[in-house]
């Protein structure tokens, strides 16, 4: 059985939540005071542009960038009969697939520029992209998810007992009112009484009624409903887990969360505690060390092998290497053991770092088919504990595994880092030789301006030392050929840490 602990650390700048399973950090969430979570927020927006060629629209919801709305995510106010949803049971909200309109409707049939529309954020803004929007609203509760634009009743795929699934279907059907709203029974609904399920639905319907009321009463673009704060969301989403402890180190968050638990999750009310020791909470549980390791590109395996994680704009590439591991028997066995260890670590890192989208894993090439199948099976088994939906293709002849993992938010690395202003995200900077050649060509190019004058070259100390020690003869040649006097100065380190930066100036004016 998995023992789950949730640690909530809060200060003036940010809230951090660590989820531990059997005392191992498996998930971490960060929400800064100025960057509150947007996922699940509901807005009154305005259509600003229709893109018939993309069958989509841009919708202004008051954020920096307009949201993106596909035709399949537009609620068809014209004809409800044209909405359909697969009869297959729906998984929890994290794995819920949006319904699709029949193809005889086009975006220009449903929306027009300037139109006001009710939308919800389905995916937060990622990098340069605006938020992904939907007008099929989902309102998650303790046991249920309300689907006010649909009529479907679904049961979480994680409820395996057929009798329980049938019981829930009967209860949800009997709870239908005149509204005929769609409902998903979450995993947490397993074994819950009909009265509790009815109360949960009534509560969600009240939220929906309030949203509709605000939509009618407000003018212009506005936020109509904000999802729960980060700690409450995490507790709600882990409701079905065997949570043994919830530890909070901030009194305000503790009181808010305790009140939330007393009302909605009473089974946890004796498991929440306030942490007020001198040692910081994350240090007490050794989370701070793991938190800093999240920034590492290379992750070492216990055997001495390692994996390298590189994120590109389109996908995440993960490479497996034997590193220091030389094995004890033969090469094929060494490679196999490294790949097994890597498969487990990669599955762990995907969840820990919340890596989503397209992922390509380059395992070390194995010749034996049985080894490839075993590594692939182990990897799939390790991913069963992942709460995000994954889709994995079989390992290829080249040892590659291609997969996707559902992404609704930025991964943890994007949350903790920013693009390097020097290399602009390339991970590379110009070499000293390249910079010296650039300086030399610049002087030659402008020699008519420099001739018979004193020239001051200001460079980074690293470049300056190379010039003075290794390129002294080049300097003398430049001075002699161009009939100039050249003086080398160093930037102060506080002025510029970029070794690519340099200035060429005469005594009268700056040239570059």
Protein backbone atom coordinates (compact mmCIF):
# COMPACT_ATOMS: atom_id res chain seq x y z
CA UNK A 1 0.00 0.00 0.00
CA UNK A 2 1.23 3.49 -0.87
CA UNK A 3 1.50 5.87 2.07
CA UNK A 4 0.99 9.47 0.92
CA UNK A 5 2.12 12.59 2.74
CA UNK A 6 1.46 16.15 1.57
CA UNK A 7 3.76 18.95 2.76
CA UNK A 8 2.65 22.55 2.22
CA UNK A 9 5.28 25.28 2.52
CA UNK A 10 4.13 28.90 2.20
CA UNK A 11 5.91 32.25 2.46
CA UNK A 12 5.29 35.77 1.19
CA UNK A 13 6.51 34.98 -2.32
CA UNK A 14 5.25 31.50 -3.14
CA UNK A 15 3.50 28.33 -2.09
CA UNK A 16 5.25 25.00 -2.60
CA UNK A 17 3.57 21.62 -2.17
CA UNK A 18 5.46 18.35 -2.05
CA UNK A 19 3.69 14.99 -2.45
CA UNK A 20 5.55 12.06 -0.91
CA UNK A 21 4.75 8.42 -1.54
CA UNK A 22 6.43 6.07 0.93
CA UNK A 23 8.66 9.03 1.90
CA UNK A 24 9.83 9.58 -1.71
CA UNK A 25 9.10 12.89 -3.44
CA UNK A 26 6.91 12.12 -6.48
CA UNK A 27 5.20 15.42 -7.33
CA UNK A 28 5.89 19.06 -6.55
CA UNK A 29 3.79 22.15 -7.23
CA UNK A 30 4.84 25.80 -7.12
CA UNK A 31 2.52 28.79 -7.23
CA UNK A 32 3.94 32.29 -6.87
CA UNK A 33 1.92 35.11 -5.41
CA UNK A 34 2.02 37.05 -8.69
CA UNK A 35 1.51 33.98 -10.90
CA UNK A 36 -1.66 32.38 -9.57
CA UNK A 37 -2.97 29.24 -11.27
CA UNK A 38 -5.36 29.90 -14.16
CA UNK A 39 -6.39 26.36 -15.04
CA UNK A 40 -10.14 25.86 -14.61
CA UNK A 41 -10.93 29.59 -14.34
CA UNK A 42 -14.15 30.62 -16.10
CA UNK A 43 -14.41 33.94 -17.96
CA UNK A 44 -16.77 36.10 -19.91
CA UNK A 45 -14.65 36.71 -23.00
CA UNK A 46 -14.93 38.41 -26.36
CA UNK A 47 -14.12 36.87 -29.74
CA UNK A 48 -11.44 39.08 -31.32
CA UNK A 49 -10.53 37.08 -34.42
CA UNK A 50 -11.98 34.18 -36.42
CA UNK A 51 -9.52 31.92 -38.27
CA UNK A 52 -11.54 29.85 -40.80
CA UNK A 53 -8.38 28.23 -42.17
CA UNK A 54 -7.50 26.93 -38.68
CA UNK A 55 -11.16 26.39 -37.66
CA UNK A 56 -10.47 28.30 -34.48
CA UNK A 57 -10.84 31.70 -32.87
CA UNK A 58 -8.90 34.01 -30.59
CA UNK A 59 -10.83 35.09 -27.49
CA UNK A 60 -9.82 37.99 -25.24
CA UNK A 61 -10.30 37.01 -21.58
CA UNK A 62 -8.26 39.83 -20.06
CA UNK A 63 -4.88 38.06 -19.99
CA UNK A 64 -1.71 39.28 -21.71
CA UNK A 65 -2.40 37.01 -24.70
CA UNK A 66 -5.74 36.07 -26.21
CA UNK A 67 -6.89 32.51 -25.65
CA UNK A 68 -7.21 29.95 -28.44
CA UNK A 69 -10.57 28.24 -29.03
CA UNK A 70 -10.94 25.33 -31.49
CA UNK A 71 -14.25 24.66 -33.22
CA UNK A 72 -14.45 21.30 -31.40
CA UNK A 73 -14.44 23.18 -28.10
CA UNK A 74 -17.30 25.54 -28.98
CA UNK A 75 -20.64 24.85 -27.33
CA UNK A 76 -23.21 24.73 -30.13
CA UNK A 77 -25.95 27.04 -28.99
CA UNK A 78 -27.65 26.58 -32.38
CA UNK A 79 -28.49 22.90 -32.12
CA UNK A 80 -27.80 20.79 -29.05
CA UNK A 81 -28.55 17.61 -30.99
CA UNK A 82 -25.28 18.07 -32.86
CA UNK A 83 -23.27 17.48 -29.70
CA UNK A 84 -22.23 13.95 -28.97
CA UNK A 85 -19.96 12.19 -26.53
CA UNK A 86 -18.51 8.69 -26.67
CA UNK A 87 -20.48 6.12 -24.68
CA UNK A 88 -17.19 4.96 -23.25
CA UNK A 89 -16.90 5.83 -19.56
CA UNK A 90 -14.95 8.99 -18.88
CA UNK A 91 -11.95 9.03 -16.58
CA UNK A 92 -11.36 11.64 -13.90
CA UNK A 93 -11.20 15.29 -14.86
CA UNK A 94 -7.43 15.02 -15.52
CA UNK A 95 -8.16 12.48 -18.27
CA UNK A 96 -11.41 13.94 -19.57
CA UNK A 97 -11.60 14.33 -23.33
CA UNK A 98 -13.61 17.27 -24.61
CA UNK A 99 -16.62 16.45 -26.83
CA UNK A 100 -16.49 17.24 -30.53
CA UNK A 101 -18.99 18.86 -32.86
CA UNK A 102 -20.02 17.05 -35.98
CA UNK A 103 -18.01 18.18 -38.96
CA UNK A 104 -20.86 19.94 -40.75
CA UNK A 105 -20.36 22.95 -38.47
CA UNK A 106 -17.59 25.49 -39.04
CA UNK A 107 -16.17 28.06 -36.67
CA UNK A 108 -17.71 30.90 -38.72
CA UNK A 109 -21.15 29.27 -38.30
CA UNK A 110 -20.88 29.36 -34.52
CA UNK A 111 -18.98 32.54 -33.66
CA UNK A 112 -18.46 36.05 -34.95
CA UNK A 113 -15.95 38.74 -34.06
CA UNK A 114 -17.06 40.91 -31.17
CA UNK A 115 -19.34 38.19 -29.75
CA UNK A 116 -19.30 37.62 -25.99
CA UNK A 117 -18.80 34.01 -24.95
CA UNK A 118 -18.47 31.94 -21.79
CA UNK A 119 -15.15 30.06 -21.75
CA UNK A 120 -12.96 28.07 -19.38
CA UNK A 121 -9.19 27.64 -19.42
CA UNK A 122 -8.44 24.03 -20.41
CA UNK A 123 -4.67 24.54 -20.69
CA UNK A 124 -2.70 27.38 -19.17
CA UNK A 125 -0.59 29.71 -21.33
CA UNK A 126 2.58 27.82 -22.26
CA UNK A 127 5.63 29.79 -23.40
CA UNK A 128 4.61 32.01 -26.31
CA UNK A 129 1.17 30.40 -26.63
CA UNK A 130 -2.01 31.79 -25.14
CA UNK A 131 -4.36 29.72 -23.01
CA UNK A 132 -6.29 26.85 -24.62
CA UNK A 133 -9.99 27.55 -24.06
CA UNK A 134 -13.22 25.57 -24.14
CA UNK A 135 -16.84 26.58 -23.83
CA UNK A 136 -17.75 23.11 -22.51
CA UNK A 137 -17.56 23.99 -18.83
CA UNK A 138 -16.40 21.42 -16.25
CA UNK A 139 -16.83 22.13 -12.54
CA UNK A 140 -15.01 19.61 -10.32
CA UNK A 141 -16.31 18.78 -6.87
CA UNK A 142 -15.46 16.39 -4.08
CA UNK A 143 -16.96 13.29 -5.73
CA UNK A 144 -18.31 14.51 -9.05
CA UNK A 145 -17.54 16.71 -12.04
CA UNK A 146 -20.48 18.71 -13.37
CA UNK A 147 -20.76 19.08 -17.17
CA UNK A 148 -23.49 21.73 -17.60
CA UNK A 149 -23.23 21.83 -21.42
CA UNK A 150 -23.59 18.06 -21.80
CA UNK A 151 -26.04 15.33 -20.79
CA UNK A 152 -23.63 12.40 -20.50
CA UNK A 153 -23.08 10.37 -17.32
CA UNK A 154 -19.60 8.87 -16.97
CA UNK A 155 -17.74 6.79 -14.40
CA UNK A 156 -14.02 7.00 -13.65
CA UNK A 157 -12.03 4.26 -15.37
CA UNK A 158 -10.12 3.86 -12.10
CA UNK A 159 -13.23 2.34 -10.51
CA UNK A 160 -12.78 -1.27 -11.60
CA UNK A 161 -15.60 -3.06 -9.77
CA UNK A 162 -18.47 -3.50 -12.23
CA UNK A 163 -21.10 -3.66 -9.47
CA UNK A 164 -19.87 -0.35 -8.09
CA UNK A 165 -19.90 1.20 -11.55
CA UNK A 166 -23.50 0.07 -12.07
CA UNK A 167 -24.47 1.37 -8.61
CA UNK A 168 -23.03 4.82 -9.36
CA UNK A 169 -24.75 4.96 -12.76
CA UNK A 170 -28.11 4.23 -11.15
CA UNK A 171 -27.57 6.86 -8.44
CA UNK A 172 -26.48 9.54 -10.93
CA UNK A 173 -29.41 8.77 -13.23
CA UNK A 174 -31.82 9.04 -10.31
CA UNK A 175 -30.26 12.37 -9.28
CA UNK A 176 -31.03 13.95 -12.64
CA UNK A 177 -33.18 17.03 -12.30
CA UNK A 178 -34.94 19.02 -14.96
CA UNK A 179 -31.57 20.47 -15.95
CA UNK A 180 -30.29 17.07 -17.28
CA UNK A 181 -26.70 18.20 -16.71
CA UNK A 182 -23.92 15.74 -17.47
CA UNK A 183 -21.93 14.30 -14.56
CA UNK A 184 -18.70 12.34 -14.13
CA UNK A 185 -18.27 10.19 -11.04
CA UNK A 186 -14.68 10.72 -9.89
CA UNK A 187 -12.57 7.96 -8.36
CA UNK A 188 -13.33 9.49 -4.96
CA UNK A 189 -17.03 8.62 -5.42
CA UNK A 190 -16.39 4.90 -4.94
CA UNK A 191 -18.45 3.65 -1.99
CA UNK A 192 -20.00 7.07 -1.34
CA UNK A 193 -23.65 7.17 -0.26
CA UNK A 194 -26.39 8.43 -2.59
CA UNK A 195 -27.04 11.35 -0.24
CA UNK A 196 -23.44 12.54 -0.38
CA UNK A 197 -23.42 12.32 -4.18
CA UNK A 198 -26.69 14.25 -4.36
CA UNK A 199 -25.35 16.94 -2.03
CA UNK A 200 -22.17 17.22 -4.11
CA UNK A 201 -24.15 17.68 -7.32
CA UNK A 202 -26.47 20.25 -5.69
CA UNK A 203 -23.42 22.21 -4.56
CA UNK A 204 -21.90 22.18 -8.06
CA UNK A 205 -25.20 23.22 -9.63
CA UNK A 206 -25.31 26.20 -7.26
CA UNK A 207 -21.83 27.21 -8.43
CA UNK A 208 -22.98 26.92 -12.05
CA UNK A 209 -26.11 28.99 -11.37
CA UNK A 210 -23.94 31.70 -9.79
CA UNK A 211 -21.64 31.68 -12.83
CA UNK A 212 -24.61 32.10 -15.19
CA UNK A 213 -25.95 34.92 -13.02
CA UNK A 214 -22.61 36.75 -13.10
CA UNK A 215 -22.38 36.25 -16.86
CA UNK A 216 -25.74 37.99 -17.36
CA UNK A 217 -25.02 40.80 -14.92
CA UNK A 218 -21.45 41.71 -15.87
CA UNK A 219 -20.52 43.86 -18.82
CA UNK A 220 -17.34 43.34 -20.77
CA UNK A 221 -14.52 40.85 -20.21
CA UNK A 222 -14.39 39.51 -16.66
CA UNK A 223 -13.38 36.57 -14.46
CA UNK A 224 -16.54 34.80 -13.32
CA UNK A 225 -15.19 31.88 -11.32
CA UNK A 226 -11.79 30.95 -9.93
CA UNK A 227 -10.89 27.39 -9.04
CA UNK A 228 -9.77 26.46 -5.52
CA UNK A 229 -6.35 27.66 -4.34
CA UNK A 230 -3.38 25.37 -4.89
CA UNK A 231 -3.36 23.55 -1.50
CA UNK A 232 -7.11 22.85 -1.66
CA UNK A 233 -6.85 21.61 -5.26
CA UNK A 234 -4.03 19.22 -4.42
CA UNK A 235 -5.90 17.81 -1.42
CA UNK A 236 -9.06 17.47 -3.50
CA UNK A 237 -7.25 15.71 -6.35
CA UNK A 238 -5.51 13.28 -3.97
CA UNK A 239 -8.73 12.52 -2.13
CA UNK A 240 -8.76 8.89 -3.27
CA UNK A 241 -5.15 8.37 -2.20
CA UNK A 242 -4.23 6.94 1.19
CA UNK A 243 -3.14 10.27 2.69
CA UNK A 244 -1.66 9.70 6.14
CA UNK A 245 -0.51 13.27 6.86
CA UNK A 246 -1.07 16.83 5.64
CA UNK A 247 1.51 19.17 7.15
CA UNK A 248 1.22 22.97 6.73
CA UNK A 249 3.79 25.51 7.92
CA UNK A 250 1.69 28.68 7.49
CA UNK A 251 -1.07 29.47 10.00
CA UNK A 252 -3.32 31.28 7.49
CA UNK A 253 -3.09 28.43 4.98
CA UNK A 254 -3.60 25.93 7.79
CA UNK A 255 -6.83 27.58 8.97
CA UNK A 256 -8.18 27.89 5.40
CA UNK A 257 -7.31 24.33 4.52
CA UNK A 258 -8.62 22.94 7.81
CA UNK A 259 -11.95 24.67 7.20
CA UNK A 260 -12.04 23.27 3.62
CA UNK A 261 -11.30 19.75 4.88
CA UNK A 262 -13.90 19.96 7.67
CA UNK A 263 -16.59 20.82 5.10
CA UNK A 264 -15.65 18.75 2.06
CA UNK A 265 -13.18 16.06 3.19
CA UNK A 266 -14.03 15.19 6.80
CA UNK A 267 -12.15 11.88 6.64
CA UNK A 268 -8.91 13.89 6.61
CA UNK A 269 -9.75 16.27 9.47
CA UNK A 270 -7.55 14.41 11.98
CA UNK A 271 -4.67 14.10 9.55
CA UNK A 272 -3.83 17.78 9.08
CA UNK A 273 -1.29 19.39 11.39
CA UNK A 274 0.43 22.75 11.77
CA UNK A 275 4.23 22.75 11.57
CA UNK A 276 5.95 25.42 13.70
CA UNK A 277 9.42 24.05 14.36
CA UNK A 278 12.57 26.14 13.81
CA UNK A 279 13.88 23.90 11.04
CA UNK A 280 12.17 24.69 7.75
CA UNK A 281 9.56 22.13 6.67
CA UNK A 282 11.19 21.15 3.37
CA UNK A 283 14.58 20.79 5.03
CA UNK A 284 13.10 18.66 7.80
CA UNK A 285 11.93 16.14 5.20
CA UNK A 286 15.00 16.58 2.93
CA UNK A 287 12.84 18.01 0.14
CA UNK A 288 15.04 21.06 -0.42
CA UNK A 289 17.88 18.89 -1.77
CA UNK A 290 15.58 17.14 -4.27
CA UNK A 291 14.02 20.49 -5.19
CA UNK A 292 17.40 21.87 -6.26
CA UNK A 293 18.16 18.70 -8.25
CA UNK A 294 15.14 19.39 -10.44
CA UNK A 295 17.30 21.85 -12.39
CA UNK A 296 19.86 19.20 -13.30
CA UNK A 297 19.97 18.26 -16.97
CA UNK A 298 21.83 15.05 -16.21
CA UNK A 299 20.44 12.52 -13.73
CA UNK A 300 22.80 9.83 -12.51
CA UNK A 301 21.60 6.26 -12.02
CA UNK A 302 22.70 4.11 -9.08
CA UNK A 303 24.69 1.82 -11.37
CA UNK A 304 26.80 4.70 -12.73
CA UNK A 305 24.82 5.22 -15.91
CA UNK A 306 22.85 8.40 -16.48
CA UNK A 307 20.01 10.00 -18.42
CA UNK A 308 20.02 13.43 -20.05
CA UNK A 309 16.80 15.44 -20.39
CA UNK A 310 16.65 18.15 -23.07
CA UNK A 311 13.56 20.21 -23.75
CA UNK A 312 13.01 21.67 -27.22
CA UNK A 313 10.16 23.82 -28.44
CA UNK A 314 8.33 20.86 -29.99
CA UNK A 315 9.23 17.95 -27.71
CA UNK A 316 11.33 16.61 -24.85
CA UNK A 317 14.26 14.32 -25.73
CA UNK A 318 15.68 11.90 -23.15
CA UNK A 319 18.94 10.08 -23.79
CA UNK A 320 20.22 7.04 -21.87
CA UNK A 321 23.98 6.40 -21.41
CA UNK A 322 25.99 3.70 -19.63
CA UNK A 323 28.33 6.34 -18.17
CA UNK A 324 30.58 4.80 -15.51
CA UNK A 325 28.71 1.48 -15.49
CA UNK A 326 30.84 -1.22 -17.14
CA UNK A 327 28.89 -4.28 -16.02
CA UNK A 328 30.16 -7.66 -14.87
CA UNK A 329 29.26 -10.10 -17.64
CA UNK A 330 28.92 -8.91 -21.23
CA UNK A 331 27.99 -5.75 -23.14
CA UNK A 332 24.41 -6.76 -23.98
CA UNK A 333 23.67 -7.51 -20.33
CA UNK A 334 25.24 -4.21 -19.23
CA UNK A 335 23.11 -2.28 -21.71
CA UNK A 336 19.98 -4.17 -20.64
CA UNK A 337 20.51 -3.44 -16.95
CA UNK A 338 21.20 0.23 -17.65
CA UNK A 339 18.03 0.52 -19.73
CA UNK A 340 15.92 -1.12 -17.00
CA UNK A 341 17.24 1.30 -14.40
CA UNK A 342 16.77 4.21 -16.80
CA UNK A 343 13.16 3.19 -17.60
CA UNK A 344 12.24 3.39 -13.92
CA UNK A 345 14.03 6.71 -13.42
CA UNK A 346 12.52 8.28 -16.55
CA UNK A 347 8.97 7.36 -15.49
CA UNK A 348 9.73 8.92 -12.10
CA UNK A 349 11.23 12.09 -13.60
CA UNK A 350 8.30 12.60 -16.02
CA UNK A 351 5.91 12.73 -13.10
CA UNK A 352 8.22 14.66 -10.76
CA UNK A 353 9.05 17.35 -13.33
CA UNK A 354 5.55 17.29 -14.85
CA UNK A 355 6.96 16.88 -18.37
CA UNK A 356 4.17 16.84 -20.94
CA UNK A 357 3.57 16.84 -24.68
CA UNK A 358 5.62 14.73 -27.08
CA UNK A 359 8.48 12.78 -25.46
CA UNK A 360 11.14 10.76 -27.30
CA UNK A 361 13.36 8.42 -25.27
CA UNK A 362 16.57 7.07 -26.77
CA UNK A 363 17.42 3.90 -24.88
CA UNK A 364 20.77 2.27 -25.52
CA UNK A 365 20.40 -0.06 -28.50
CA UNK A 366 19.61 -3.68 -27.60
CA UNK A 367 19.84 -6.55 -30.08
CA UNK A 368 17.71 -9.11 -28.24
CA UNK A 369 13.99 -8.72 -28.87
CA UNK A 370 13.12 -10.11 -25.43
CA UNK A 371 15.25 -7.39 -23.79
CA UNK A 372 13.46 -4.65 -25.74
CA UNK A 373 10.07 -6.03 -24.74
CA UNK A 374 11.07 -6.29 -21.07
CA UNK A 375 12.34 -2.70 -20.94
CA UNK A 376 9.18 -1.46 -22.66
CA UNK A 377 6.97 -3.46 -20.25
CA UNK A 378 8.83 -2.18 -17.18
CA UNK A 379 8.49 1.40 -18.43
CA UNK A 380 4.73 1.00 -18.99
CA UNK A 381 4.29 -0.56 -15.54
CA UNK A 382 6.17 2.30 -13.87
CA UNK A 383 3.87 4.83 -15.56
CA UNK A 384 0.74 3.25 -14.09
CA UNK A 385 1.12 5.40 -10.98
CA UNK A 386 1.13 8.57 -13.11
CA UNK A 387 -2.10 10.55 -12.67
CA UNK A 388 -1.71 12.19 -16.10
CA UNK A 389 -2.84 10.31 -19.19
CA UNK A 390 0.01 8.77 -21.21
CA UNK A 391 0.10 7.14 -24.62
CA UNK A 392 3.14 4.97 -25.39
CA UNK A 393 4.30 3.40 -28.64
CA UNK A 394 6.33 0.20 -28.64
CA UNK A 395 10.11 0.47 -28.59
CA UNK A 396 11.49 0.79 -32.12
CA UNK A 397 14.31 -1.10 -33.82
CA UNK A 398 16.57 1.85 -32.99
CA UNK A 399 15.77 1.63 -29.28
CA UNK A 400 13.46 4.67 -29.32
CA UNK A 401 10.22 5.01 -27.39
CA UNK A 402 7.82 7.71 -28.54
CA UNK A 403 5.07 8.78 -26.17
CA UNK A 404 2.80 11.61 -25.15
CA UNK A 405 1.86 12.75 -21.66
CA UNK A 406 -1.08 15.04 -21.08
CA UNK A 407 0.04 18.60 -20.42
CA UNK A 408 -2.19 21.22 -18.83
CA UNK A 409 0.48 23.38 -17.19
CA UNK A 410 4.12 24.30 -17.68
CA UNK A 411 6.57 21.71 -16.41
CA UNK A 412 8.41 22.46 -13.18
CA UNK A 413 11.62 23.44 -15.01
CA UNK A 414 9.81 26.17 -16.97
CA UNK A 415 8.38 27.38 -13.67
CA UNK A 416 11.78 27.61 -11.98
CA UNK A 417 13.96 28.90 -14.82
CA UNK A 418 14.15 31.62 -17.44
CA UNK A 419 15.90 31.88 -20.81
CA UNK A 420 19.59 32.74 -20.52
CA UNK A 421 20.07 36.35 -21.74
CA UNK A 422 23.56 35.50 -23.00
CA UNK A 423 22.98 32.35 -25.08
CA UNK A 424 19.24 33.07 -25.59
CA UNK A 425 18.32 29.50 -24.76
CA UNK A 426 20.77 27.79 -27.13
CA UNK A 427 22.89 26.48 -24.29
CA UNK A 428 25.98 27.68 -26.20
CA UNK A 429 27.97 30.91 -26.39
CA UNK A 430 30.56 32.09 -28.89
CA UNK A 431 34.10 30.86 -28.35
CA UNK A 432 36.94 33.20 -27.43
CA UNK A 433 38.53 32.64 -30.86
CA UNK A 434 35.27 33.59 -32.60
CA UNK A 435 35.03 36.79 -30.54
CA UNK A 436 38.65 37.73 -31.21
CA UNK A 437 38.16 37.24 -34.95
CA UNK A 438 35.02 39.40 -34.82
CA UNK A 439 36.96 42.17 -33.07
CA UNK A 440 39.77 41.93 -35.60
CA UNK A 441 37.39 42.12 -38.60
CA UNK A 442 35.57 45.06 -37.04
CA UNK A 443 38.82 46.99 -36.70
CA UNK A 444 39.84 46.20 -40.29
CA UNK A 445 36.38 47.20 -41.55
CA UNK A 446 36.62 50.63 -39.87
CA UNK A 447 40.34 51.23 -40.30
CA UNK A 448 39.76 54.54 -42.10
CA UNK A 449 38.11 55.85 -38.93
CA UNK A 450 40.80 54.52 -36.64
CA UNK A 451 44.05 55.34 -38.54
CA UNK A 452 46.54 57.48 -36.63
CA UNK A 453 44.35 57.46 -33.52
CA UNK A 454 44.40 55.86 -30.11
CA UNK A 455 41.90 52.97 -29.98
CA UNK A 456 40.45 51.67 -26.71
CA UNK A 457 39.18 48.07 -26.73
CA UNK A 458 37.05 47.18 -23.67
CA UNK A 459 36.37 43.46 -23.23
CA UNK A 460 35.35 40.85 -20.68
CA UNK A 461 38.32 39.95 -18.39
CA UNK A 462 38.36 36.38 -19.76
CA UNK A 463 38.76 37.63 -23.35
CA UNK A 464 41.23 40.31 -22.24
CA UNK A 465 43.52 37.78 -20.61
CA UNK A 466 43.58 35.66 -23.79
CA UNK A 467 44.42 38.72 -25.89
CA UNK A 468 47.23 39.82 -23.57
CA UNK A 469 48.73 36.37 -23.13
CA UNK A 470 48.15 34.56 -26.45
CA UNK A 471 47.47 37.27 -29.03
CA UNK A 472 50.12 39.85 -28.20
CA UNK A 473 51.73 39.45 -31.62
CA UNK A 474 48.33 40.02 -33.29
CA UNK A 475 47.90 43.27 -31.38
CA UNK A 476 51.34 44.48 -32.44
CA UNK A 477 50.58 43.60 -36.06
CA UNK A 478 47.27 45.56 -35.97
CA UNK A 479 48.98 48.60 -34.44
CA UNK A 480 51.74 48.50 -37.05
CA UNK A 481 49.55 47.86 -40.13
CA UNK A 482 46.78 50.31 -39.26
CA UNK A 483 49.07 52.90 -37.69
CA UNK A 484 47.06 53.02 -34.48
CA UNK A 485 47.74 52.79 -30.77
CA UNK A 486 45.67 50.04 -29.10
CA UNK A 487 44.80 50.01 -25.39
CA UNK A 488 43.04 47.06 -23.70
CA UNK A 489 40.60 47.64 -20.84
CA UNK A 490 38.45 45.19 -18.87
CA UNK A 491 34.77 45.47 -18.10
CA UNK A 492 34.03 45.26 -14.43
CA UNK A 493 32.31 41.95 -13.74
CA UNK A 494 29.37 43.80 -12.27
CA UNK A 495 28.92 45.61 -15.58
CA UNK A 496 28.76 42.58 -17.86
CA UNK A 497 29.03 38.82 -17.37
CA UNK A 498 28.65 38.25 -21.11
CA UNK A 499 32.01 37.34 -22.64
CA UNK A 500 30.58 38.20 -26.08
CA UNK A 501 30.29 41.88 -25.14
CA UNK A 502 33.00 44.29 -26.27
CA UNK A 503 33.35 47.98 -27.11
CA UNK A 504 35.70 49.73 -29.52
CA UNK A 505 36.11 53.45 -29.02
CA UNK A 506 38.48 56.28 -29.81
CA UNK A 507 39.35 58.91 -27.29
CA UNK A 508 36.62 61.10 -28.79
CA UNK A 509 33.64 58.78 -29.34
CA UNK A 510 32.37 55.18 -29.12
CA UNK A 511 32.44 53.37 -32.46
CA UNK A 512 30.69 50.13 -31.38
